[in-house]
Amino acid sequence: CHYFTNGIFLDEDEWILNQAHKLASIPTTLIHGRYDVVCPAENAWDLKKKMPHMDLQFIEDAGHNTFEKGIAEALLKTMEGLKQL
C-alpha cells in the first residue's frame, strides 16, 4: 500500500511504458492470470505493445497468486526455456 500511495516512487505514471524500449535486447516473458484483479490485463497488453518481442502469456484459470497451478506451471516452463539461452 505504501508504494501505491506514493506512485510506486516513479517520476511519471507511464514511466515503465516509456522506458520499455531499453529492454529490447532482453528476453522477456510476462505471465498474467486472467482473473487477476490486482493488475489489470490491459496493463500487460500495453506493455506488450511497447515490447513486441515479449512473450505475453495469459493463464486462463489463474488470478494474481504465483502458487496457482497454471501460473506456477508457466513460470517453471519459462525458466526451463531460459536455461537454453
Protein backbone atom coordinates (compact mmCIF):
# COMPACT_ATOMS: atom_id res chain seq x y z
CA CYS A 1 0.00 0.00 0.00
CA HIS A 2 2.89 2.35 0.82
CA TYR A 3 4.26 2.05 -2.72
CA PHE A 4 0.91 2.60 -4.41
CA THR A 5 0.04 5.64 -2.32
CA ASN A 6 3.41 7.10 -3.35
CA GLY A 7 3.04 6.42 -7.07
CA ILE A 8 5.48 3.49 -6.78
CA PHE A 9 8.17 6.19 -6.47
CA LEU A 10 8.26 6.76 -10.24
CA ASP A 11 8.55 10.18 -11.86
CA GLU A 12 5.52 9.77 -14.12
CA ASP A 13 2.51 7.47 -14.46
CA GLU A 14 3.73 5.77 -17.64
CA TRP A 15 7.42 5.66 -16.72
CA ILE A 16 7.71 1.89 -17.22
CA LEU A 17 5.99 2.03 -20.62
CA ASN A 18 8.18 4.93 -21.68
CA GLN A 19 11.36 3.05 -20.68
CA ALA A 20 10.35 -0.34 -22.12
CA HIS A 21 12.38 0.18 -25.32
CA LYS A 22 15.54 -0.19 -23.22
CA LEU A 23 14.67 -3.87 -22.72
CA ALA A 24 14.52 -4.70 -26.43
CA SER A 25 17.57 -6.96 -26.30
CA ILE A 26 16.50 -8.81 -23.15
CA PRO A 27 14.34 -11.95 -23.49
CA THR A 28 11.16 -11.15 -21.57
CA THR A 29 8.14 -13.19 -20.55
CA LEU A 30 5.12 -11.80 -18.75
CA ILE A 31 2.78 -14.37 -17.22
CA HIS A 32 -0.60 -12.92 -16.28
CA GLY A 33 -3.61 -14.57 -14.70
CA ARG A 34 -6.88 -13.95 -16.48
CA TYR A 35 -8.67 -13.31 -13.19
CA ASP A 36 -6.01 -11.05 -11.70
CA VAL A 37 -7.91 -8.20 -10.01
CA VAL A 38 -4.73 -6.57 -8.65
CA CYS A 39 -3.01 -5.94 -12.01
CA PRO A 40 -5.41 -5.33 -14.89
CA ALA A 41 -4.74 -7.34 -18.07
CA GLU A 42 -4.87 -4.08 -20.00
CA ASN A 43 -1.56 -3.07 -18.39
CA ALA A 44 0.09 -6.27 -19.60
CA TRP A 45 -1.24 -5.67 -23.10
CA ASP A 46 0.00 -2.05 -23.08
CA LEU A 47 3.48 -3.30 -22.16
CA LYS A 48 3.33 -5.94 -24.91
CA LYS A 49 2.62 -3.20 -27.45
CA LYS A 50 5.79 -1.40 -26.32
CA MET A 51 7.79 -4.66 -26.25
CA PRO A 52 6.74 -6.73 -29.28
CA HIS A 53 9.49 -9.27 -28.55
CA MET A 54 7.94 -10.04 -25.15
CA ASP A 55 6.21 -13.37 -24.70
CA LEU A 56 2.88 -12.48 -23.06
CA GLN A 57 1.04 -15.46 -21.60
CA PHE A 58 -2.46 -15.19 -20.20
CA ILE A 59 -3.27 -18.06 -17.85
CA GLU A 60 -6.97 -18.84 -18.16
CA ASP A 61 -7.62 -20.35 -14.74
CA ALA A 62 -5.49 -18.06 -12.55
CA GLY A 63 -5.54 -14.76 -10.76
CA HIS A 64 -2.62 -12.94 -9.11
CA ASN A 65 -1.12 -15.71 -7.00
CA THR A 66 2.23 -17.17 -8.08
CA PHE A 67 1.32 -20.50 -6.49
CA GLU A 68 -1.82 -21.09 -8.56
CA LYS A 69 -1.31 -24.18 -10.67
CA GLY A 70 -1.41 -22.51 -14.10
CA ILE A 71 0.87 -19.66 -13.07
CA ALA A 72 3.36 -21.98 -11.37
CA GLU A 73 3.50 -24.28 -14.40
CA ALA A 74 4.03 -21.36 -16.78
CA LEU A 75 6.80 -19.95 -14.58
CA LEU A 76 8.60 -23.29 -14.44
CA LYS A 77 8.28 -23.81 -18.18
CA THR A 78 9.62 -20.30 -18.85
CA MET A 79 12.59 -20.81 -16.52
CA GLU A 80 13.40 -24.14 -18.18
CA GLY A 81 13.39 -22.36 -21.54
CA LEU A 82 15.73 -19.68 -20.27
CA LYS A 83 18.28 -22.32 -19.33
CA GLN A 84 18.72 -22.91 -23.07
CA LEU A 85 19.95 -19.34 -23.54
